[in-house]
C-alpha atoms as a PDB file:
ATOM      1  CA  UNK A   1      38.355  81.324 101.565  1.00  0.00           C
ATOM      2  CA  UNK A   2      38.873  78.944  98.643  1.00  0.00           C
ATOM      3  CA  UNK A   3      39.722  80.753  95.417  1.00  0.00           C
ATOM      4  CA  UNK A   4      39.001  79.027  92.122  1.00  0.00           C
ATOM      5  CA  UNK A   5      42.042  78.840  89.855  1.00  0.00           C
ATOM      6  CA  UNK A   6      41.784  78.211  86.122  1.00  0.00           C
ATOM      7  CA  UNK A   7      43.411  75.237  84.385  1.00  0.00           C
ATOM      8  CA  UNK A   8      46.734  77.078  84.377  1.00  0.00           C
ATOM      9  CA  UNK A   9      46.580  77.545  88.140  1.00  0.00           C
ATOM     10  CA  UNK A  10      45.852  81.273  87.805  1.00  0.00           C
ATOM     11  CA  UNK A  11      43.134  83.745  88.725  1.00  0.00           C
ATOM     12  CA  UNK A  12      42.375  87.076  86.964  1.00  0.00           C
ATOM     13  CA  UNK A  13      43.074  90.153  89.076  1.00  0.00           C
ATOM     14  CA  UNK A  14      41.796  93.650  88.294  1.00  0.00           C
ATOM     15  CA  UNK A  15      43.620  96.605  89.828  1.00  0.00           C
ATOM     16  CA  UNK A  16      41.288  99.526  90.594  1.00  0.00           C
ATOM     17  CA  UNK A  17      42.195 102.992  91.838  1.00  0.00           C
ATOM     18  CA  UNK A  18      40.441 103.055  95.200  1.00  0.00           C
ATOM     19  CA  UNK A  19      40.112 106.871  95.152  1.00  0.00           C
ATOM     20  CA  UNK A  20      38.706 107.404  91.640  1.00  0.00           C
ATOM     21  CA  UNK A  21      37.198 103.970  90.892  1.00  0.00           C
ATOM     22  CA  UNK A  22      39.198 103.899  87.653  1.00  0.00           C
ATOM     23  CA  UNK A  23      40.148 100.436  86.376  1.00  0.00           C
ATOM     24  CA  UNK A  24      43.926 100.409  86.018  1.00  0.00           C
ATOM     25  CA  UNK A  25      44.813  97.019  84.542  1.00  0.00           C
ATOM     26  CA  UNK A  26      44.031  93.322  84.363  1.00  0.00           C
ATOM     27  CA  UNK A  27      46.635  90.645  85.008  1.00  0.00           C
ATOM     28  CA  UNK A  28      46.812  87.162  86.500  1.00  0.00           C
ATOM     29  CA  UNK A  29      47.869  85.880  89.893  1.00  0.00           C
ATOM     30  CA  UNK A  30      48.870  82.531  91.285  1.00  0.00           C
ATOM     31  CA  UNK A  31      49.039  81.619  94.996  1.00  0.00           C
ATOM     32  CA  UNK A  32      52.645  82.804  95.320  1.00  0.00           C
ATOM     33  CA  UNK A  33      52.049  86.200  93.698  1.00  0.00           C
ATOM     34  CA  UNK A  34      49.010  86.771  95.917  1.00  0.00           C
ATOM     35  CA  UNK A  35      51.104  85.877  98.961  1.00  0.00           C
ATOM     36  CA  UNK A  36      53.799  88.367  97.939  1.00  0.00           C
ATOM     37  CA  UNK A  37      51.164  91.027  97.338  1.00  0.00           C
ATOM     38  CA  UNK A  38      49.891  90.630 100.901  1.00  0.00           C
ATOM     39  CA  UNK A  39      53.408  90.584 102.330  1.00  0.00           C
ATOM     40  CA  UNK A  40      54.734  93.599 100.420  1.00  0.00           C
ATOM     41  CA  UNK A  41      51.590  95.684 100.046  1.00  0.00           C
ATOM     42  CA  UNK A  42      52.402  96.025  96.334  1.00  0.00           C
ATOM     43  CA  UNK A  43      50.938  94.159  93.390  1.00  0.00           C
ATOM     44  CA  UNK A  44      52.669  90.993  92.222  1.00  0.00           C
ATOM     45  CA  UNK A  45      51.384  89.038  89.260  1.00  0.00           C
ATOM     46  CA  UNK A  46      52.224  85.962  87.209  1.00  0.00           C
ATOM     47  CA  UNK A  47      53.302  86.385  83.582  1.00  0.00           C
ATOM     48  CA  UNK A  48      51.676  83.796  81.319  1.00  0.00           C
ATOM     49  CA  UNK A  49      54.082  84.555  78.467  1.00  0.00           C
ATOM     50  CA  UNK A  50      57.278  84.380  80.541  1.00  0.00           C
ATOM     51  CA  UNK A  51      55.787  81.896  83.016  1.00  0.00           C
ATOM     52  CA  UNK A  52      57.279  83.627  86.019  1.00  0.00           C
ATOM     53  CA  UNK A  53      56.333  85.978  88.845  1.00  0.00           C
ATOM     54  CA  UNK A  54      56.612  89.701  88.199  1.00  0.00           C
ATOM     55  CA  UNK A  55      56.546  92.644  90.554  1.00  0.00           C
ATOM     56  CA  UNK A  56      54.563  95.465  88.991  1.00  0.00           C
ATOM     57  CA  UNK A  57      56.874  98.476  88.673  1.00  0.00           C
ATOM     58  CA  UNK A  58      60.091  96.589  89.406  1.00  0.00           C
ATOM     59  CA  UNK A  59      61.661  98.127  86.278  1.00  0.00           C
ATOM     60  CA  UNK A  60      59.629 101.296  85.709  1.00  0.00           C
ATOM     61  CA  UNK A  61      59.190 102.226  89.356  1.00  0.00           C
ATOM     62  CA  UNK A  62      55.444 102.578  88.773  1.00  0.00           C
ATOM     63  CA  UNK A  63      54.267 100.301  91.553  1.00  0.00           C
ATOM     64  CA  UNK A  64      50.670  99.611  92.505  1.00  0.00           C
ATOM     65  CA  UNK A  65      50.040  99.765  96.249  1.00  0.00           C
ATOM     66  CA  UNK A  66      47.308  97.347  97.295  1.00  0.00           C
ATOM     67  CA  UNK A  67      45.182  98.091 100.360  1.00  0.00           C
ATOM     68  CA  UNK A  68      42.532  95.414  99.975  1.00  0.00           C
ATOM     69  CA  UNK A  69      41.884  92.273  97.902  1.00  0.00           C
ATOM     70  CA  UNK A  70      38.255  91.397  97.152  1.00  0.00           C
ATOM     71  CA  UNK A  71      36.964  88.205  95.519  1.00  0.00           C
ATOM     72  CA  UNK A  72      33.906  88.145  93.284  1.00  0.00           C
ATOM     73  CA  UNK A  73      30.721  86.204  94.103  1.00  0.00           C
ATOM     74  CA  UNK A  74      32.060  82.965  92.571  1.00  0.00           C
ATOM     75  CA  UNK A  75      35.610  83.306  93.922  1.00  0.00           C
ATOM     76  CA  UNK A  76      37.100  83.146  90.415  1.00  0.00           C
ATOM     77  CA  UNK A  77      38.424  86.686  90.023  1.00  0.00           C
ATOM     78  CA  UNK A  78      39.994  89.318  92.272  1.00  0.00           C
ATOM     79  CA  UNK A  79      39.648  93.074  92.632  1.00  0.00           C
ATOM     80  CA  UNK A  80      42.698  94.884  93.999  1.00  0.00           C
ATOM     81  CA  UNK A  81      41.800  98.149  95.710  1.00  0.00           C
ATOM     82  CA  UNK A  82      44.890 100.116  94.824  1.00  0.00           C
ATOM     83  CA  UNK A  83      46.857 103.333  94.726  1.00  0.00           C
ATOM     84  CA  UNK A  84      49.119 103.699  91.658  1.00  0.00           C
ATOM     85  CA  UNK A  85      52.450 105.461  92.140  1.00  0.00           C
ATOM     86  CA  UNK A  86      52.654 106.292  88.427  1.00  0.00           C
ATOM     87  CA  UNK A  87      51.176 105.263  85.064  1.00  0.00           C
ATOM     88  CA  UNK A  88      49.746 101.740  85.334  1.00  0.00           C
ATOM     89  CA  UNK A  89      50.184 100.931  81.635  1.00  0.00           C
ATOM     90  CA  UNK A  90      53.549 100.124  80.055  1.00  0.00           C
ATOM     91  CA  UNK A  91      52.664 102.619  77.278  1.00  0.00           C
ATOM     92  CA  UNK A  92      52.818 105.462  79.792  1.00  0.00           C
ATOM     93  CA  UNK A  93      49.042 105.884  79.904  1.00  0.00           C
ATOM     94  CA  UNK A  94      47.414 106.210  83.342  1.00  0.00           C
ATOM     95  CA  UNK A  95      45.627 102.893  82.823  1.00  0.00           C
ATOM     96  CA  UNK A  96      45.506 100.097  80.253  1.00  0.00           C
ATOM     97  CA  UNK A  97      41.996 100.870  78.992  1.00  0.00           C
ATOM     98  CA  UNK A  98      42.159 103.724  76.489  1.00  0.00           C
ATOM     99  CA  UNK A  99      41.300 102.085  73.132  1.00  0.00           C
ATOM    100  CA  UNK A 100      37.622 102.431  72.292  1.00  0.00           C
ATOM    101  CA  UNK A 101      36.091  99.479  70.452  1.00  0.00           C
ATOM    102  CA  UNK A 102      33.315 100.570  68.097  1.00  0.00           C
ATOM    103  CA  UNK A 103      30.564  98.489  66.567  1.00  0.00           C
ATOM    104  CA  UNK A 104      31.763  96.655  63.459  1.00  0.00           C
ATOM    105  CA  UNK A 105      35.436  97.419  64.104  1.00  0.00           C
ATOM    106  CA  UNK A 106      36.315  94.495  66.352  1.00  0.00           C
ATOM    107  CA  UNK A 107      38.516  91.744  64.942  1.00  0.00           C
ATOM    108  CA  UNK A 108      39.510  88.769  67.039  1.00  0.00           C
ATOM    109  CA  UNK A 109      42.933  87.227  67.019  1.00  0.00           C
ATOM    110  CA  UNK A 110      44.271  84.284  68.958  1.00  0.00           C
ATOM    111  CA  UNK A 111      48.040  84.225  68.942  1.00  0.00           C
ATOM    112  CA  UNK A 112      49.618  80.805  68.316  1.00  0.00           C
ATOM    113  CA  UNK A 113      51.923  81.207  71.279  1.00  0.00           C
ATOM    114  CA  UNK A 114      49.026  81.884  73.640  1.00  0.00           C
ATOM    115  CA  UNK A 115      47.063  78.948  72.253  1.00  0.00           C
ATOM    116  CA  UNK A 116      50.074  76.708  72.759  1.00  0.00           C
ATOM    117  CA  UNK A 117      50.446  77.889  76.332  1.00  0.00           C
ATOM    118  CA  UNK A 118      46.748  77.320  77.014  1.00  0.00           C
ATOM    119  CA  UNK A 119      47.010  73.778  75.693  1.00  0.00           C
ATOM    120  CA  UNK A 120      50.127  73.209  77.782  1.00  0.00           C
ATOM    121  CA  UNK A 121      48.214  74.452  80.815  1.00  0.00           C
ATOM    122  CA  UNK A 122      45.554  71.801  80.204  1.00  0.00           C
ATOM    123  CA  UNK A 123      48.259  69.124  79.916  1.00  0.00           C
ATOM    124  CA  UNK A 124      49.786  70.286  83.203  1.00  0.00           C
ATOM    125  CA  UNK A 125      46.411  70.135  84.936  1.00  0.00           C
ATOM    126  CA  UNK A 126      45.861  66.584  83.666  1.00  0.00           C
ATOM    127  CA  UNK A 127      49.291  65.622  85.004  1.00  0.00           C
ATOM    128  CA  UNK A 128      48.453  67.056  88.395  1.00  0.00           C
ATOM    129  CA  UNK A 129      44.840  65.928  88.773  1.00  0.00           C
ATOM    130  CA  UNK A 130      45.036  62.609  86.866  1.00  0.00           C
ATOM    131  CA  UNK A 131      41.310  62.525  85.974  1.00  0.00           C
ATOM    132  CA  UNK A 132      39.888  59.116  85.133  1.00  0.00           C
ATOM    133  CA  UNK A 133      39.789  58.422  81.400  1.00  0.00           C
ATOM    134  CA  UNK A 134      42.265  61.180  80.520  1.00  0.00           C
ATOM    135  CA  UNK A 135      44.473  60.258  77.555  1.00  0.00           C
ATOM    136  CA  UNK A 136      47.118  62.763  78.662  1.00  0.00           C
ATOM    137  CA  UNK A 137      47.240  61.458  82.234  1.00  0.00           C
ATOM    138  CA  UNK A 138      47.559  57.891  80.957  1.00  0.00           C
ATOM    139  CA  UNK A 139      50.306  58.815  78.501  1.00  0.00           C
ATOM    140  CA  UNK A 140      52.285  60.690  81.155  1.00  0.00           C
ATOM    141  CA  UNK A 141      51.988  57.754  83.544  1.00  0.00           C
ATOM    142  CA  UNK A 142      53.541  55.478  80.903  1.00  0.00           C
ATOM    143  CA  UNK A 143      56.752  57.495  80.902  1.00  0.00           C
ATOM    144  CA  UNK A 144      59.068  59.176  78.438  1.00  0.00           C
ATOM    145  CA  UNK A 145      59.675  56.062  76.314  1.00  0.00           C
ATOM    146  CA  UNK A 146      55.994  55.759  75.442  1.00  0.00           C
ATOM    147  CA  UNK A 147      55.609  59.500  74.903  1.00  0.00           C
ATOM    148  CA  UNK A 148      58.743  59.572  72.749  1.00  0.00           C
ATOM    149  CA  UNK A 149      57.400  56.714  70.651  1.00  0.00           C
ATOM    150  CA  UNK A 150      54.224  58.719  70.001  1.00  0.00           C
ATOM    151  CA  UNK A 151      56.238  61.805  69.005  1.00  0.00           C
ATOM    152  CA  UNK A 152      58.289  59.729  66.527  1.00  0.00           C
ATOM    153  CA  UNK A 153      55.127  58.103  65.204  1.00  0.00           C
ATOM    154  CA  UNK A 154      53.378  61.445  64.680  1.00  0.00           C
ATOM    155  CA  UNK A 155      56.483  62.955  63.065  1.00  0.00           C
ATOM    156  CA  UNK A 156      56.560  60.104  60.550  1.00  0.00           C
ATOM    157  CA  UNK A 157      52.864  60.519  59.771  1.00  0.00           C
ATOM    158  CA  UNK A 158      53.356  64.261  59.290  1.00  0.00           C
ATOM    159  CA  UNK A 159      56.107  63.628  56.735  1.00  0.00           C
ATOM    160  CA  UNK A 160      53.951  61.094  54.881  1.00  0.00           C
ATOM    161  CA  UNK A 161      51.073  63.574  54.807  1.00  0.00           C
ATOM    162  CA  UNK A 162      53.405  66.247  53.391  1.00  0.00           C
ATOM    163  CA  UNK A 163      54.593  63.849  50.680  1.00  0.00           C
ATOM    164  CA  UNK A 164      50.957  63.114  49.816  1.00  0.00           C
ATOM    165  CA  UNK A 165      50.359  66.843  49.478  1.00  0.00           C
ATOM    166  CA  UNK A 166      46.926  66.791  51.103  1.00  0.00           C
ATOM    167  CA  UNK A 167      46.483  69.960  53.130  1.00  0.00           C
ATOM    168  CA  UNK A 168      43.956  68.579  55.609  1.00  0.00           C
ATOM    169  CA  UNK A 169      46.165  65.575  56.367  1.00  0.00           C
ATOM    170  CA  UNK A 170      49.225  67.765  56.934  1.00  0.00           C
ATOM    171  CA  UNK A 171      47.342  70.054  59.320  1.00  0.00           C
ATOM    172  CA  UNK A 172      45.914  67.081  61.240  1.00  0.00           C
ATOM    173  CA  UNK A 173      49.221  65.236  61.597  1.00  0.00           C
ATOM    174  CA  UNK A 174      51.294  68.287  62.511  1.00  0.00           C
ATOM    175  CA  UNK A 175      48.675  69.183  65.145  1.00  0.00           C
ATOM    176  CA  UNK A 176      49.107  65.674  66.582  1.00  0.00           C
ATOM    177  CA  UNK A 177      52.893  66.093  66.496  1.00  0.00           C
ATOM    178  CA  UNK A 178      52.784  69.424  68.312  1.00  0.00           C
ATOM    179  CA  UNK A 179      50.351  68.091  70.903  1.00  0.00           C
ATOM    180  CA  UNK A 180      52.489  65.076  71.744  1.00  0.00           C
ATOM    181  CA  UNK A 181      55.604  67.279  71.786  1.00  0.00           C
ATOM    182  CA  UNK A 182      53.932  69.388  74.486  1.00  0.00           C
ATOM    183  CA  UNK A 183      53.224  66.242  76.476  1.00  0.00           C
ATOM    184  CA  UNK A 184      56.920  65.350  76.105  1.00  0.00           C
ATOM    185  CA  UNK A 185      57.910  68.809  77.382  1.00  0.00           C
ATOM    186  CA  UNK A 186      55.605  68.403  80.363  1.00  0.00           C
ATOM    187  CA  UNK A 187      57.069  65.006  81.210  1.00  0.00           C
ATOM    188  CA  UNK A 188      60.562  66.546  81.131  1.00  0.00           C
ATOM    189  CA  UNK A 189      59.565  69.460  83.391  1.00  0.00           C
ATOM    190  CA  UNK A 190      59.956  72.006  80.585  1.00  0.00           C
ATOM    191  CA  UNK A 191      57.539  74.582  79.175  1.00  0.00           C
ATOM    192  CA  UNK A 192      56.784  76.119  75.745  1.00  0.00           C
ATOM    193  CA  UNK A 193      58.553  79.251  76.980  1.00  0.00           C
ATOM    194  CA  UNK A 194      61.823  77.299  77.148  1.00  0.00           C
ATOM    195  CA  UNK A 195      61.432  76.589  73.420  1.00  0.00           C
ATOM    196  CA  UNK A 196      60.487  80.195  72.581  1.00  0.00           C
ATOM    197  CA  UNK A 197      63.615  81.409  74.369  1.00  0.00           C
ATOM    198  CA  UNK A 198      65.824  78.978  72.469  1.00  0.00           C
ATOM    199  CA  UNK A 199      64.281  80.026  69.139  1.00  0.00           C
ATOM    200  CA  UNK A 200      64.774  83.667  70.080  1.00  0.00           C
ATOM    201  CA  UNK A 201      68.470  82.999  70.684  1.00  0.00           C
ATOM    202  CA  UNK A 202      68.791  81.312  67.303  1.00  0.00           C
ATOM    203  CA  UNK A 203      67.038  84.188  65.544  1.00  0.00           C
ATOM    204  CA  UNK A 204      69.837  86.507  66.689  1.00  0.00           C
END
C-alpha cells in the first residue's frame, strides 16, 4: 500500500480507543515512526517542532498500544486502533479533545515557528524532488556560494528598506532574507530547529 505523505514527509495519525471509540489524540508519523509502531506494538510519532521521532509515553509511562493501523480512502491519513495505558493527553486528561469550540468564539492563530517549519518543509521537498522550473531547486543546485550571495544581497536590501522607513518595503525584504536563509540552512543540512535551540541557549 502506498501512503501519501505531505510536503514535510509526514502523514497525520489519529489514535482511537478501540474499545470505546473515543478519539485520543492526533499526531504525525513518518515512515520510520510507523515502522517502529509495527515493531513495538506501541505508538511512535514524529515531532514537527523538535524534528525527531518520539515514543508516546517514553517519559510519562502513558503508552498507547496499537493493535491495527487503518488508512483512509485516499491513503493520506491513518487511524490507530489503540488501547491507552493511561491519560493520552500531556495535560493529564484522558484524551486531547476536551475544549469545546462555540460559534463566534473561534480565533485562528498561525505561530511564526510553525509557518517557518512549513516553509522549510517545502524547501526540503523541492531539494528532494527537483521539480522543473523550481526556483528553490535551481538555487540549491548552484551551491552555497550562489545561495550565500543571495542572502547577502537580501540582507543589504533589508537594511536599505529600513533606512528608507517604508513599512511595506521592510516587510518584503526581510521576508526575502528569511526565505533565502532557510534555503541556506537546507543546503547546509540544518533545520530551523537548530536555530531555535541556539536562541534558546542564548536566552538563558
